[in-house]
C-alpha atoms as a PDB file:
ATOM      1  CA  MET A   1       4.786-103.528 -83.791  1.00  0.00           C
ATOM      2  CA  GLY A   2       6.074-104.364 -87.195  1.00  0.00           C
ATOM      3  CA  GLN A   3       9.195-102.393 -88.476  1.00  0.00           C
ATOM      4  CA  PRO A   4       7.084-100.056 -90.729  1.00  0.00           C
ATOM      5  CA  ASN A   5       5.433 -98.877 -87.737  1.00  0.00           C
ATOM      6  CA  ILE A   6       8.773 -98.739 -85.593  1.00  0.00           C
ATOM      7  CA  THR A   7      10.437 -96.584 -88.411  1.00  0.00           C
ATOM      8  CA  ARG A   8       6.933 -94.540 -88.051  1.00  0.00           C
ATOM      9  CA  PHE A   9       7.376 -93.992 -84.310  1.00  0.00           C
ATOM     10  CA  TYR A  10      10.471 -92.561 -84.430  1.00  0.00           C
ATOM     11  CA  ARG A  11       9.264 -90.596 -87.259  1.00  0.00           C
ATOM     12  CA  LYS A  12       6.199 -89.000 -85.506  1.00  0.00           C
ATOM     13  CA  LEU A  13       7.576 -88.888 -81.926  1.00  0.00           C
ATOM     14  CA  GLY A  14      10.618 -86.650 -83.866  1.00  0.00           C
ATOM     15  CA  GLU A  15       8.660 -84.532 -85.267  1.00  0.00           C
ATOM     16  CA  SER A  16       7.019 -83.542 -81.601  1.00  0.00           C
ATOM     17  CA  VAL A  17      10.328 -82.906 -80.200  1.00  0.00           C
ATOM     18  CA  LYS A  18      10.708 -80.692 -83.305  1.00  0.00           C
ATOM     19  CA  LYS A  19       7.563 -78.987 -83.099  1.00  0.00           C
ATOM     20  CA  TYR A  20       7.897 -78.463 -79.876  1.00  0.00           C
ATOM     21  CA  ARG A  21      11.647 -77.274 -79.843  1.00  0.00           C
ATOM     22  CA  GLU A  22      10.456 -74.823 -82.560  1.00  0.00           C
ATOM     23  CA  LYS A  23       6.588 -73.484 -81.068  1.00  0.00           C
ATOM     24  CA  ARG A  24       7.179 -73.780 -77.503  1.00  0.00           C
ATOM     25  CA  LEU A  25      10.841 -72.880 -77.025  1.00  0.00           C
ATOM     26  CA  GLY A  26      12.250 -70.808 -80.344  1.00  0.00           C
ATOM     27  CA  ILE A  27      15.474 -72.389 -80.108  1.00  0.00           C
ATOM     28  CA  THR A  28      17.818 -74.068 -82.343  1.00  0.00           C
ATOM     29  CA  GLN A  29      18.669 -77.782 -82.627  1.00  0.00           C
ATOM     30  CA  GLU A  30      22.250 -77.231 -81.498  1.00  0.00           C
ATOM     31  CA  ALA A  31      20.956 -75.431 -78.116  1.00  0.00           C
ATOM     32  CA  LEU A  32      18.673 -78.192 -77.509  1.00  0.00           C
ATOM     33  CA  GLY A  33      21.813 -80.275 -77.939  1.00  0.00           C
ATOM     34  CA  LYS A  34      24.082 -77.978 -75.204  1.00  0.00           C
ATOM     35  CA  ILE A  35      20.999 -78.381 -73.097  1.00  0.00           C
ATOM     36  CA  VAL A  36      20.793 -82.261 -72.855  1.00  0.00           C
ATOM     37  CA  GLY A  37      24.114 -83.348 -73.904  1.00  0.00           C
ATOM     38  CA  LEU A  38      23.506 -83.963 -77.207  1.00  0.00           C
ATOM     39  CA  SER A  39      25.039 -82.464 -80.756  1.00  0.00           C
ATOM     40  CA  ARG A  40      23.201 -80.621 -82.883  1.00  0.00           C
ATOM     41  CA  THR A  41      23.266 -83.531 -85.396  1.00  0.00           C
ATOM     42  CA  SER A  42      21.621 -86.069 -83.078  1.00  0.00           C
ATOM     43  CA  ILE A  43      18.757 -83.811 -82.462  1.00  0.00           C
ATOM     44  CA  ALA A  44      18.625 -83.372 -86.009  1.00  0.00           C
ATOM     45  CA  ASN A  45      18.373 -87.147 -86.323  1.00  0.00           C
ATOM     46  CA  ILE A  46      16.243 -87.527 -83.876  1.00  0.00           C
ATOM     47  CA  GLU A  47      13.957 -84.944 -85.022  1.00  0.00           C
ATOM     48  CA  SER A  48      13.836 -86.963 -88.714  1.00  0.00           C
ATOM     49  CA  GLY A  49      13.371 -90.106 -86.795  1.00  0.00           C
ATOM     50  CA  ARG A  50      16.452 -91.597 -88.292  1.00  0.00           C
ATOM     51  CA  GLN A  51      18.258 -91.844 -84.343  1.00  0.00           C
ATOM     52  CA  ARG A  52      16.405 -93.594 -81.747  1.00  0.00           C
ATOM     53  CA  VAL A  53      16.243 -92.387 -77.899  1.00  0.00           C
ATOM     54  CA  GLN A  54      16.642 -93.998 -74.973  1.00  0.00           C
ATOM     55  CA  VAL A  55      14.222 -93.321 -72.329  1.00  0.00           C
ATOM     56  CA  HIS A  56      16.240 -91.821 -70.093  1.00  0.00           C
ATOM     57  CA  MET A  57      17.655 -89.150 -72.548  1.00  0.00           C
ATOM     58  CA  LEU A  58      13.447 -88.515 -73.964  1.00  0.00           C
ATOM     59  CA  SER A  59      13.201 -87.672 -70.448  1.00  0.00           C
ATOM     60  CA  GLN A  60      15.815 -85.118 -70.492  1.00  0.00           C
ATOM     61  CA  ILE A  61      14.616 -83.878 -73.702  1.00  0.00           C
ATOM     62  CA  ALA A  62      11.112 -83.712 -72.666  1.00  0.00           C
ATOM     63  CA  GLN A  63      12.077 -81.729 -69.310  1.00  0.00           C
ATOM     64  CA  ALA A  64      14.348 -79.350 -71.964  1.00  0.00           C
ATOM     65  CA  LEU A  65      11.118 -78.856 -73.464  1.00  0.00           C
ATOM     66  CA  SER A  66       8.980 -78.100 -70.772  1.00  0.00           C
ATOM     67  CA  VAL A  67       6.615 -80.879 -71.720  1.00  0.00           C
ATOM     68  CA  GLU A  68       5.747 -84.274 -70.215  1.00  0.00           C
ATOM     69  CA  PRO A  69       7.316 -87.231 -71.842  1.00  0.00           C
ATOM     70  CA  SER A  70       3.970 -88.531 -72.477  1.00  0.00           C
ATOM     71  CA  ARG A  71       3.081 -85.355 -74.933  1.00  0.00           C
ATOM     72  CA  LEU A  72       6.222 -86.796 -77.168  1.00  0.00           C
ATOM     73  CA  ILE A  73       5.293 -90.240 -77.984  1.00  0.00           C
ATOM     74  CA  PRO A  74       2.954 -90.947 -80.615  1.00  0.00           C
ATOM     75  CA  GLU A  75       0.052 -93.455 -79.995  1.00  0.00           C
ATOM     76  CA  PHE A  76      -0.783 -95.552 -83.187  1.00  0.00           C
ATOM     77  CA  LEU A  77      -4.544 -96.602 -83.244  1.00  0.00           C
ATOM     78  CA  PRO A  78      -5.380 -99.627 -85.543  1.00  0.00           C
ATOM     79  CA  ASP A  79      -6.246 -99.207 -89.077  1.00  0.00           C
ATOM     80  CA  TYR A  80      -9.562-100.787 -89.634  1.00  0.00           C
ATOM     81  CA  ARG A  81      -7.841-101.833 -93.014  1.00  0.00           C
ATOM     82  CA  GLN A  82      -5.338-103.513 -91.080  1.00  0.00           C
ATOM     83  CA  LEU A  83      -7.689-105.417 -88.852  1.00  0.00           C
ATOM     84  CA  PRO A  84      -6.921-109.352 -88.811  1.00  0.00           C
ATOM     85  CA  GLU A  85      -7.983-111.331 -91.966  1.00  0.00           C
ATOM     86  CA  ASN A  86     -10.158-113.601 -89.607  1.00  0.00           C
ATOM     87  CA  VAL A  87     -12.010-110.690 -87.832  1.00  0.00           C
ATOM     88  CA  SER A  88     -12.467-108.201 -91.297  1.00  0.00           C
ATOM     89  CA  SER A  89     -13.315-111.259 -93.156  1.00  0.00           C
ATOM     90  CA  LYS A  90     -16.291-111.588 -91.047  1.00  0.00           C
ATOM     91  CA  LEU A  91     -17.591-108.109 -91.466  1.00  0.00           C
ATOM     92  CA  ARG A  92     -20.468-106.857 -94.165  1.00  0.00           C
ATOM     93  CA  PRO A  93     -18.811-103.619 -95.391  1.00  0.00           C
ATOM     94  CA  GLU A  94     -21.192-101.803 -93.683  1.00  0.00           C
ATOM     95  CA  GLU A  95     -19.825-102.895 -90.559  1.00  0.00           C
ATOM     96  CA  MET A  96     -16.657-102.377 -91.748  1.00  0.00           C
ATOM     97  CA  GLN A  97     -17.988 -98.452 -92.328  1.00  0.00           C
ATOM     98  CA  ILE A  98     -18.803 -98.217 -88.435  1.00  0.00           C
ATOM     99  CA  VAL A  99     -15.493 -99.621 -87.361  1.00  0.00           C
ATOM    100  CA  ALA A 100     -14.064 -96.930 -89.519  1.00  0.00           C
ATOM    101  CA  SER A 101     -16.069 -94.161 -88.502  1.00  0.00           C
ATOM    102  CA  ILE A 102     -15.184 -95.484 -84.508  1.00  0.00           C
ATOM    103  CA  LEU A 103     -11.953 -95.430 -85.378  1.00  0.00           C
ATOM    104  CA  ASP A 104     -11.716 -92.079 -87.368  1.00  0.00           C
ATOM    105  CA  THR A 105     -13.598 -90.866 -84.073  1.00  0.00           C
ATOM    106  CA  ILE A 106     -10.596 -91.975 -81.669  1.00  0.00           C
ATOM    107  CA  LYS A 107      -8.140 -90.598 -83.755  1.00  0.00           C
ATOM    108  CA  GLU A 108      -9.283 -86.946 -83.421  1.00  0.00           C
ATOM    109  CA  GLU A 109      -8.896 -87.018 -79.779  1.00  0.00           C
ATOM    110  CA  SER A 110      -6.083 -86.320 -78.102  1.00  0.00           C
ATOM    111  CA  PRO A 111      -4.261 -88.888 -76.635  1.00  0.00           C
ATOM    112  CA  ASN A 112      -3.474 -88.307 -73.462  1.00  0.00           C
ATOM    113  CA  GLU A 113      -7.920 -87.043 -73.031  1.00  0.00           C
ATOM    114  CA  ILE A 114      -8.407 -90.255 -74.364  1.00  0.00           C
ATOM    115  CA  ARG A 115      -6.196 -92.205 -71.152  1.00  0.00           C
ATOM    116  CA  ARG A 116      -8.068 -89.432 -69.020  1.00  0.00           C
ATOM    117  CA  GLY A 117     -11.448 -90.312 -70.150  1.00  0.00           C
ATOM    118  CA  ASN A 118     -11.771 -86.488 -70.919  1.00  0.00           C
ATOM    119  CA  LYS A 119     -13.734 -85.808 -74.461  1.00  0.00           C
ATOM    120  CA  LYS A 120     -12.101 -82.805 -76.693  1.00  0.00           C
ATOM    121  CA  LYS A 121     -14.757 -79.991 -76.432  1.00  0.00           C
ATOM    122  CA  SER A 122     -15.239 -78.556 -79.820  1.00  0.00           C
END
């Protein structure tokens, strides 16, 4: 995972923390910080992706939010435009469209449902 992906990873993780904090519990950053032993500033930095989260702290945050840690961790699927040159150069344009369509379909699925092999019901 390159540096831009790491930055994106922590930003997405922070967005998940914020979403569950606000929508599931309706508590402030300060309240969450007190529960897990962090300052309000640390929670704000985690939610904005500026602060990396250690595994044990991610577990504590997830527990405080009443959610499985895996629900907070973003999954990044490769974008067809980022395929290695030796692969993409061998594909015809119509094959690239097929790859893009498959990846778009996969991205629409919940990461946990993909892992379980369950398809999301429309």
